[in-house]
Protein backbone atom coordinates (compact mmCIF):
# COMPACT_ATOMS: atom_id res chain seq x y z
CA MET A 1 37.10 -29.57 -128.63
CA ALA A 2 39.51 -32.14 -127.15
CA GLU A 3 37.06 -33.88 -125.00
CA PHE A 4 33.17 -32.90 -125.90
CA ALA A 5 31.15 -35.61 -127.87
CA ASP A 6 29.87 -34.03 -131.19
CA ALA A 7 26.40 -34.08 -129.33
CA ASP A 8 27.54 -31.48 -126.75
CA PHE A 9 29.57 -29.28 -129.29
CA LYS A 10 28.40 -28.93 -132.92
CA VAL A 11 30.23 -26.69 -135.67
CA GLY A 12 27.78 -26.94 -138.41
CA LYS A 13 25.60 -29.33 -139.28
CA ASN A 14 26.72 -32.84 -138.90
CA ILE A 15 30.44 -31.64 -138.57
CA GLN A 16 32.33 -33.79 -136.35
CA PHE A 17 36.24 -33.20 -135.16
CA SER A 18 38.62 -35.69 -134.60
CA GLY A 19 42.44 -35.92 -134.24
CA PHE A 20 42.68 -32.98 -131.80
CA ARG A 21 46.38 -31.95 -131.10
CA GLU A 22 47.89 -28.96 -129.05
CA LEU A 23 50.81 -27.57 -131.04
CA ASP A 24 53.87 -25.57 -129.79
CA THR A 25 53.09 -21.61 -129.55
CA ARG A 26 56.32 -20.12 -128.00
CA ARG A 27 56.04 -16.41 -128.83
CA GLU A 28 57.51 -13.33 -128.08
CA TYR A 29 55.28 -11.92 -125.44
CA GLY A 30 52.98 -13.54 -122.95
CA GLY A 31 53.01 -17.27 -121.60
CA VAL A 32 51.65 -20.39 -123.24
CA PHE A 33 48.01 -20.95 -122.00
CA PRO A 34 48.61 -23.60 -119.01
CA PHE A 35 45.25 -25.49 -120.50
CA GLU A 36 46.09 -28.33 -118.64
CA ARG A 37 47.19 -27.04 -115.06
CA PHE A 38 43.75 -24.74 -115.26
CA ARG A 39 41.76 -27.72 -116.24
CA ASP A 40 43.21 -30.01 -113.35
CA PHE A 41 42.80 -26.73 -110.97
CA MET A 42 39.37 -26.42 -111.57
CA ALA A 43 38.36 -30.16 -111.44
CA LYS A 44 40.08 -30.75 -108.14
CA LYS A 45 40.14 -27.58 -106.36
CA LYS A 46 36.47 -26.48 -107.63
CA ALA A 47 37.96 -22.90 -107.78
CA TRP A 48 39.10 -20.31 -110.59
CA PRO A 49 42.77 -20.55 -111.62
CA ALA A 50 44.54 -17.19 -110.74
CA LYS A 51 46.19 -15.49 -113.70
CA THR A 52 50.05 -15.68 -113.82
CA THR A 53 50.42 -13.54 -116.98
CA ASP A 54 48.46 -10.77 -119.05
CA SER A 55 48.74 -12.28 -122.42
CA SER A 56 48.68 -15.83 -123.30
CA HIS A 57 48.63 -18.07 -126.59
CA TYR A 58 47.54 -21.51 -127.37
CA ALA A 59 47.56 -23.33 -130.76
CA PHE A 60 45.69 -26.45 -131.89
CA GLU A 61 45.13 -28.49 -134.95
CA VAL A 62 42.04 -30.64 -135.58
CA ARG A 63 40.59 -32.89 -138.57
CA ARG A 64 37.01 -32.18 -139.70
CA SER A 65 34.77 -34.34 -141.10
CA ASP A 66 33.64 -32.16 -143.93
CA HIS A 67 37.49 -31.52 -144.95
CA PHE A 68 38.75 -34.82 -143.43
CA LEU A 69 42.02 -34.60 -145.93
CA LEU A 70 42.95 -31.18 -144.45
CA LYS A 71 43.96 -30.45 -141.06
CA GLN A 72 42.94 -26.94 -139.48
CA ARG A 73 45.01 -25.36 -137.39
CA VAL A 74 43.83 -22.72 -135.10
CA TYR A 75 46.35 -19.96 -133.07
CA LEU A 76 44.41 -18.01 -130.15
CA PHE A 77 45.96 -14.94 -128.76
CA ASP A 78 44.43 -13.74 -125.54
CA PHE A 79 45.31 -10.19 -124.30
CA PRO A 80 43.15 -7.74 -122.00
CA GLY A 81 41.36 -4.58 -123.12
CA GLU A 82 43.73 -2.45 -120.82
CA ARG A 83 46.38 -2.75 -123.17
CA ILE A 84 44.35 -1.03 -125.66
CA VAL A 85 45.41 2.56 -124.48
CA ASP A 86 49.03 1.56 -125.44
CA ALA A 87 48.41 1.97 -129.13
CA ALA A 88 49.50 5.39 -128.71
CA ILE A 89 52.89 4.01 -127.59
CA VAL A 90 53.17 2.12 -130.64
CA ALA A 91 51.89 4.70 -132.68
CA PHE A 92 54.73 7.12 -131.82
CA ARG A 93 58.63 6.15 -132.11
CA ASN A 94 59.51 8.79 -129.80
CA TYR A 95 58.96 9.95 -126.62
CA GLU A 96 58.48 13.68 -127.26
CA ASP A 97 55.98 12.56 -129.78
CA TRP A 98 53.98 10.46 -127.12
CA SER A 99 54.53 13.51 -124.67
CA ARG A 100 52.73 15.94 -127.14
CA HIS A 101 50.06 13.37 -128.23
CA MET A 102 48.95 13.00 -124.38
CA LEU A 103 49.30 16.60 -123.57
CA ASN A 104 46.98 17.66 -126.30
CA TYR A 105 44.56 14.93 -125.53
CA TRP A 106 44.06 16.32 -121.91
CA ALA A 107 43.50 19.86 -123.36
CA ASP A 108 41.21 18.85 -125.69
CA HIS A 109 38.90 16.55 -123.20
CA SER A 110 37.62 18.96 -120.24
CA ASP A 111 36.88 15.81 -118.28
CA TYR A 112 40.60 14.83 -117.90
CA GLN A 113 41.62 18.51 -116.60
CA GLN A 114 40.76 18.34 -113.33
CA ALA A 115 42.42 15.00 -112.34
CA ILE A 116 45.61 16.17 -114.07
CA ALA A 117 45.82 19.72 -113.03
CA PRO A 118 48.08 19.06 -109.81
CA TYR A 119 50.26 17.18 -111.98
CA MET A 120 50.54 20.08 -114.79
CA GLU A 121 51.43 22.22 -111.63
CA LEU A 122 53.98 20.07 -110.66
CA LEU A 123 55.81 20.38 -113.99
CA GLU A 124 56.23 24.52 -113.25
CA GLN A 125 58.41 23.95 -110.46
CA PRO A 126 61.76 24.85 -111.18
CA CYS A 127 63.85 22.18 -109.14
CA VAL A 128 61.24 19.15 -109.47
CA THR A 129 63.10 15.73 -109.18
CA TYR A 130 62.57 12.36 -111.39
CA ASN A 131 60.71 10.73 -108.12
CA GLU A 132 58.41 13.86 -107.86
CA LEU A 133 57.43 13.76 -111.35
CA ILE A 134 56.74 10.05 -111.32
CA HIS A 135 54.95 10.29 -108.03
CA GLY A 136 52.81 13.12 -108.90
CA TYR A 137 52.01 11.58 -112.63
CA LYS A 138 50.93 8.01 -110.61
CA LEU A 139 48.41 10.32 -108.43
CA ALA A 140 47.04 11.71 -111.40
CA LEU A 141 46.66 8.04 -113.17
CA GLY A 142 45.05 6.86 -109.74
CA ARG A 143 42.46 10.06 -109.97
CA LEU A 144 41.66 8.93 -113.50
CA ILE A 145 40.87 5.35 -112.70
CA LEU A 146 38.69 6.38 -109.52
CA GLY A 147 37.15 9.07 -112.15
CA TYR A 148 36.34 6.25 -114.82
CA HIS A 149 38.54 7.51 -117.35
CA PRO A 150 39.68 5.14 -119.95
CA LEU A 151 43.07 6.72 -121.09
CA ILE A 152 45.51 5.33 -118.59
CA SER A 153 49.27 5.11 -120.03
CA PRO A 154 51.26 3.42 -119.77
CA SER A 155 48.66 0.56 -118.96
CA THR A 156 50.71 -1.55 -116.63
CA PHE A 157 49.58 1.21 -114.29
CA LEU A 158 46.26 -0.58 -114.57
CA LEU A 159 46.92 -3.85 -115.34
CA ASP A 160 50.60 -5.38 -114.86
CA THR A 161 52.43 -7.81 -116.76
CA ALA A 162 51.25 -10.51 -114.40
CA GLY A 163 47.75 -10.09 -114.93
CA GLN A 164 46.97 -8.14 -111.59
CA GLN A 165 44.40 -5.49 -111.52
CA ALA A 166 45.01 -2.04 -109.65
CA GLU A 167 43.49 -2.14 -106.34
CA GLY A 168 42.73 0.96 -104.32
CA ASP A 169 39.90 3.32 -103.39
CA THR A 170 42.27 6.69 -103.22
CA PRO A 171 44.87 7.99 -105.59
CA GLU A 172 47.74 7.43 -102.95
CA ALA A 173 47.05 3.82 -102.38
CA LEU A 174 47.08 3.45 -106.32
CA ALA A 175 50.08 5.19 -106.41
CA ALA A 176 51.95 3.48 -103.67
CA THR A 177 51.41 0.23 -105.58
CA ARG A 178 51.75 0.59 -108.89
CA LEU A 179 54.11 1.13 -111.92
CA ALA A 180 53.96 3.88 -114.69
CA GLY A 181 55.82 1.73 -116.62
CA LEU A 182 58.70 -1.43 -115.50
CA PRO A 183 60.23 -2.03 -112.57
CA GLY A 184 62.98 0.38 -112.29
CA ALA A 185 62.15 2.34 -115.50
CA GLU A 186 59.01 4.14 -115.17
CA PHE A 187 58.13 7.56 -117.43
CA CYS A 188 55.53 10.31 -117.59
CA PRO A 189 55.10 12.70 -120.38
CA LEU A 190 56.85 15.94 -120.17
CA PRO A 191 56.10 19.19 -122.27
CA GLU A 192 58.43 20.79 -124.90
CA GLY A 193 61.02 22.41 -123.39
CA LEU A 194 61.36 20.81 -119.72
CA GLY A 195 62.85 17.66 -121.05
CA SER A 196 65.76 19.75 -122.40
CA ARG A 197 65.69 21.94 -119.43
CA LEU A 198 65.95 18.89 -116.94
CA ASN A 199 68.63 17.26 -119.31
CA THR A 200 69.22 13.90 -117.15
CA ILE A 201 65.51 13.51 -116.42
CA GLY A 202 64.47 14.02 -119.99
CA ARG A 203 66.95 11.34 -121.15
CA ARG A 204 65.88 9.13 -118.32
CA MET A 205 62.20 9.26 -119.31
CA ALA A 206 62.95 8.76 -123.07
CA HIS A 207 65.33 5.62 -122.49
CA ASN A 208 62.21 4.34 -120.05
CA TYR A 209 59.85 5.09 -122.77
CA ARG A 210 61.59 3.18 -125.64
CA ASN A 211 62.34 0.06 -123.13
CA TYR A 212 58.69 0.04 -122.14
CA ARG A 213 57.62 0.10 -126.21
CA GLN A 214 60.03 -2.41 -127.31
CA ARG A 215 58.87 -5.07 -124.39
CA VAL A 216 55.09 -4.42 -123.84
CA ALA A 217 53.37 -2.16 -126.45
CA LEU A 218 54.74 -3.33 -129.73
CA PRO A 219 55.02 -7.29 -129.01
CA VAL A 220 51.01 -7.21 -128.17
CA PHE A 221 49.80 -5.20 -131.45
CA LYS A 222 52.30 -7.40 -133.30
CA GLU A 223 50.65 -10.37 -132.18
CA LEU A 224 47.24 -8.55 -132.83
CA ALA A 225 48.66 -8.10 -136.52
CA GLN A 226 48.58 -11.88 -137.19
CA CYS A 227 44.92 -12.34 -136.06
CA ASP A 228 42.16 -12.34 -138.65
CA ARG A 229 39.35 -12.91 -136.55
CA LEU A 230 38.59 -11.22 -133.23
CA VAL A 231 36.29 -12.33 -130.12
CA ILE A 232 35.57 -9.41 -127.89
CA LEU A 233 34.39 -10.50 -124.62
CA VAL A 234 32.40 -7.96 -122.86
CA ASP A 235 31.12 -8.46 -118.86
CA ILE A 236 27.86 -7.05 -118.70
CA PRO A 237 26.94 -7.92 -115.09
CA TYR A 238 30.23 -6.14 -114.47
CA LEU A 239 29.25 -3.08 -116.02
CA LEU A 240 26.26 -3.14 -114.09
CA ASN A 241 27.32 -3.94 -110.85
CA GLY A 242 29.86 -0.83 -111.05
CA GLY A 243 27.54 2.06 -112.33
CA VAL A 244 27.35 4.52 -115.42
CA GLY A 245 30.97 5.27 -115.05
CA ARG A 246 32.33 1.99 -115.53
CA TYR A 247 30.18 1.40 -118.65
CA ASN A 248 31.14 4.92 -120.45
CA ASP A 249 34.85 3.75 -119.72
CA ASN A 250 34.59 0.38 -120.89
CA ARG A 251 32.47 1.60 -124.04
CA GLN A 252 35.42 4.03 -124.97
CA ILE A 253 38.14 1.56 -124.65
CA LEU A 254 36.09 -0.52 -127.34
CA LEU A 255 35.54 2.49 -129.68
CA ASP A 256 39.48 3.23 -128.98
CA PHE A 257 40.24 -0.48 -129.72
CA ILE A 258 38.24 -0.41 -132.98
CA ASP A 259 39.69 2.78 -134.07
CA THR A 260 43.27 1.13 -134.03
CA LEU A 261 42.04 -1.02 -135.95
CA ARG A 262 41.27 1.25 -139.10
CA PHE A 263 43.22 2.69 -141.73
CA ASP A 264 41.72 5.71 -141.90
CA SER A 265 42.08 6.84 -138.37
CA SER A 266 45.21 8.58 -137.01
CA LEU A 267 46.53 6.11 -134.90
CA GLY A 268 45.34 3.61 -136.91
CA ALA A 269 47.15 4.68 -140.12
CA ARG A 270 50.50 5.39 -137.97
CA ILE A 271 50.20 1.68 -136.57
CA MET A 272 49.98 0.20 -140.07
CA ARG A 273 53.21 2.09 -141.06
CA ILE A 274 55.01 0.85 -138.50
CA ILE A 275 53.79 -2.90 -137.99
CA LYS A 276 51.92 -3.24 -141.25
CA ILE A 277 48.51 -4.18 -139.33
CA TRP A 278 46.61 -5.89 -140.99
CA ARG A 279 49.21 -8.63 -142.20
CA ARG A 280 46.01 -10.99 -142.53
CA PRO A 281 42.70 -8.81 -143.21
CA LEU A 282 40.62 -8.91 -140.63
CA SER A 283 37.50 -10.71 -141.99
CA ARG A 284 35.28 -11.30 -138.72
CA ILE A 285 34.42 -9.78 -135.00
CA ALA A 286 32.39 -11.62 -132.53
CA TYR A 287 31.33 -9.68 -129.61
CA VAL A 288 30.51 -12.29 -126.71
CA ALA A 289 28.24 -11.14 -123.76
CA SER A 290 30.36 -13.42 -121.06
CA LYS A 291 29.38 -14.89 -117.89
CA ALA A 292 25.73 -15.51 -118.91
CA ASP A 293 25.10 -17.92 -116.08
CA MET A 294 25.60 -14.77 -113.32
CA VAL A 295 22.03 -13.51 -114.74
CA HIS A 296 18.60 -14.90 -114.76
CA PRO A 297 17.80 -17.55 -117.50
CA ASP A 298 14.75 -15.85 -118.59
CA ASP A 299 16.95 -12.47 -119.45
CA VAL A 300 19.02 -15.08 -121.74
CA THR A 301 15.82 -16.57 -123.62
CA ASN A 302 14.07 -13.39 -123.50
CA GLY A 303 17.20 -11.93 -125.42
CA ARG A 304 17.80 -8.88 -122.93
CA LEU A 305 21.40 -9.85 -122.76
CA GLU A 306 22.05 -9.94 -126.36
CA ASN A 307 20.31 -6.59 -126.79
CA LEU A 308 22.47 -4.74 -124.02
CA LEU A 309 25.66 -6.28 -125.99
CA ARG A 310 24.10 -4.94 -129.51
CA GLN A 311 23.53 -1.63 -127.89
CA MET A 312 26.74 -1.23 -126.23
CA THR A 313 28.72 -2.17 -129.52
CA SER A 314 26.07 -0.79 -132.23
CA ARG A 315 28.40 2.07 -133.45
CA THR A 316 31.36 0.08 -134.49
CA VAL A 317 29.10 -1.81 -137.03
CA ASN A 318 29.65 1.56 -139.32
CA LEU A 319 33.28 2.13 -138.07
CA MET A 320 34.18 -1.21 -139.48
CA SER A 321 31.44 -1.95 -142.34
CA LYS A 322 33.79 -4.49 -144.35
CA VAL A 323 33.99 -6.70 -141.50
CA LYS A 324 31.34 -9.46 -140.68
CA MET A 325 30.01 -9.15 -136.98
CA ASN A 326 27.70 -11.28 -134.96
CA TRP A 327 26.81 -11.26 -131.22
CA PHE A 328 26.50 -14.08 -128.56
CA VAL A 329 25.80 -14.99 -124.96
CA CYS A 330 28.15 -17.35 -123.77
CA SER A 331 29.26 -19.23 -120.42
CA ALA A 332 32.25 -21.05 -120.73
CA CYS A 333 31.71 -22.92 -117.43
CA HIS A 334 27.90 -22.83 -116.73
CA SER A 335 27.84 -22.74 -113.01
CA SER A 336 24.33 -21.83 -111.93
CA ARG A 337 20.68 -22.74 -112.35
CA ARG A 338 17.36 -21.20 -111.94
CA GLY A 339 15.88 -20.87 -108.44
CA ALA A 340 12.76 -21.77 -107.11
CA ASN A 341 11.60 -17.77 -106.40
CA PRO A 342 11.26 -15.64 -109.29
CA ASN A 343 14.63 -13.94 -110.41
CA HIS A 344 16.56 -16.30 -108.22
CA LEU A 345 19.61 -18.38 -108.94
CA ILE A 346 20.95 -21.37 -106.99
CA ALA A 347 25.02 -21.45 -107.07
CA ALA A 348 27.98 -21.62 -104.62
CA LEU A 349 28.74 -18.12 -103.91
CA ASP A 350 32.60 -17.19 -103.64
CA TYR A 351 32.34 -14.90 -100.87
CA ASN A 352 32.48 -16.21 -97.23
CA ASN A 353 31.56 -19.70 -98.49
CA PRO A 354 34.51 -21.89 -98.17
CA GLU A 355 32.68 -25.57 -97.91
CA HIS A 356 31.42 -24.33 -101.71
CA LYS A 357 27.88 -24.85 -100.32
CA GLU A 358 25.20 -24.03 -103.02
CA MET A 359 22.67 -21.40 -102.11
CA GLU A 360 19.78 -19.64 -103.52
CA PHE A 361 20.12 -15.97 -103.78
CA GLU A 362 18.22 -12.95 -105.85
CA VAL A 363 19.86 -11.39 -108.83
CA SER A 364 18.51 -7.87 -110.59
CA PRO A 365 16.40 -8.24 -113.87
CA LEU A 366 18.24 -7.04 -116.53
CA PRO A 367 16.90 -3.95 -118.20
CA GLU A 368 15.72 -3.65 -121.76
CA SER A 369 18.32 -0.97 -122.47
CA TRP A 370 21.14 0.76 -120.75
CA PRO A 371 19.63 3.13 -118.46
CA ASN A 372 20.43 6.90 -119.04
CA ASP A 373 22.07 6.99 -115.50
CA TRP A 374 22.82 4.41 -112.69
CA GLN A 375 24.98 3.92 -109.38
CA ALA A 376 26.84 1.41 -108.57
CA GLY A 377 24.73 -1.02 -106.33
CA ASP A 378 21.70 -0.31 -108.20
CA PHE A 379 22.11 -3.73 -110.06
CA ARG A 380 23.47 -6.65 -108.14
CA TYR A 381 25.04 -9.82 -109.53
CA TYR A 382 27.25 -12.22 -107.93
CA HIS A 383 30.61 -14.17 -108.37
CA PHE A 384 30.48 -17.73 -107.45
CA TYR A 385 33.05 -20.88 -107.82
CA PRO A 386 33.08 -23.08 -110.97
CA LYS A 387 30.74 -25.99 -111.36
CA THR A 388 33.05 -28.85 -112.39
CA VAL A 389 33.21 -32.65 -112.01
CA THR A 390 36.14 -34.17 -110.30
CA ASN A 391 36.68 -36.61 -113.56
CA VAL A 392 39.55 -34.43 -114.89
CA PRO A 393 38.72 -35.36 -118.48
CA THR A 394 35.00 -34.36 -118.25
CA PRO A 395 34.61 -30.93 -119.61
CA PRO A 396 32.03 -28.15 -117.57
CA LYS A 397 28.74 -27.47 -118.78
CA HIS A 398 29.00 -24.72 -121.47
CA THR A 399 26.59 -22.30 -122.96
CA GLY A 400 27.02 -20.76 -126.62
CA LEU A 401 30.48 -21.99 -127.02
CA ASP A 402 29.91 -24.06 -130.10
CA LYS A 403 27.98 -21.25 -131.57
CA ILE A 404 31.31 -18.53 -131.35
CA LEU A 405 33.52 -21.37 -132.66
CA ARG A 406 31.16 -21.97 -135.47
CA PHE A 407 31.14 -18.38 -136.71
CA LYS A 408 34.79 -18.33 -136.37
CA PHE A 409 35.56 -21.49 -138.55
CA ARG A 410 33.09 -20.11 -141.55
CA GLU A 411 35.04 -19.22 -144.41
């Protein structure tokens, strides 16, 4: 919006923007989105900038030609889906209540029990230590991650506050590098009675839980409570690349998130009482199939990419019947083009390609609907470097950003 001409970025018929101005947006949690630094990095380095924080804020104001006397202010809050599982930590003020919730959840879901069983056995040991409990719980979380189970709590085990994802192909590797909480303040759920039997450990766990709740979980949901419109990004090539387990995991995270926004759900009602969600009524949700340039252009024009998005999110329409929803396909920095051969793209792959040379490669055609089953490797989509120009103020080519903003700006 700061640089695009109206010919490239339309928001409604004959509507033009002017007077774009960035606003101060220092908040309780997360950093200010480093727009200028990231734009400079992409233009000069021709690469994607690395994250330095898990959540970020950005605010601006513009004048619109259809409301020229009024300035429209827009506040953006970007947060990762991994934080959704912290909803229970927001909902339960007391560590003991959260522990009970987690243990009941595992008991009610048989697919979690195999991963959790060694940790439950550890709890039965009479002289177990704090460090042994934390390590045993982190091994359990590692098994849950590798088994594509969505309830990874506290969420910093999966995504830390610097925005770095958990990496490792064994529970031991994950447990060795991740935190169940914050540095020096980790915690895990304990059954009733154990916290009192191990008095010091129980008090320490409760203290660490309160610290995490105040510093990570509550601030994210307080920021979310001020938003009246949501943009939910779904990376469909990523889901297809990873197999059906990855799809099931991410779809469940989405449904859990929608559940926290509903006043008639158990967690949603608790959160509403604590932080009065929503302070502004939620009016619109835009579901966006991001990274559309990773699939062949034919799968965008024939509607398959959007159809997969609609199929994945269809259940939420009835869950949030009073909220207006729409579905979009988007590439914020469109960096590929059609190849000469069928199902081929041309782009600068970001693997083993230090000179950023463009090459032609094959990608999988998108299915008409989500398959009943598939394995990692059955579909192949690739990451590539962003296609930008060295002239810093010149925005990269995009697909669909204007349509999303048009939907968000409508009253």
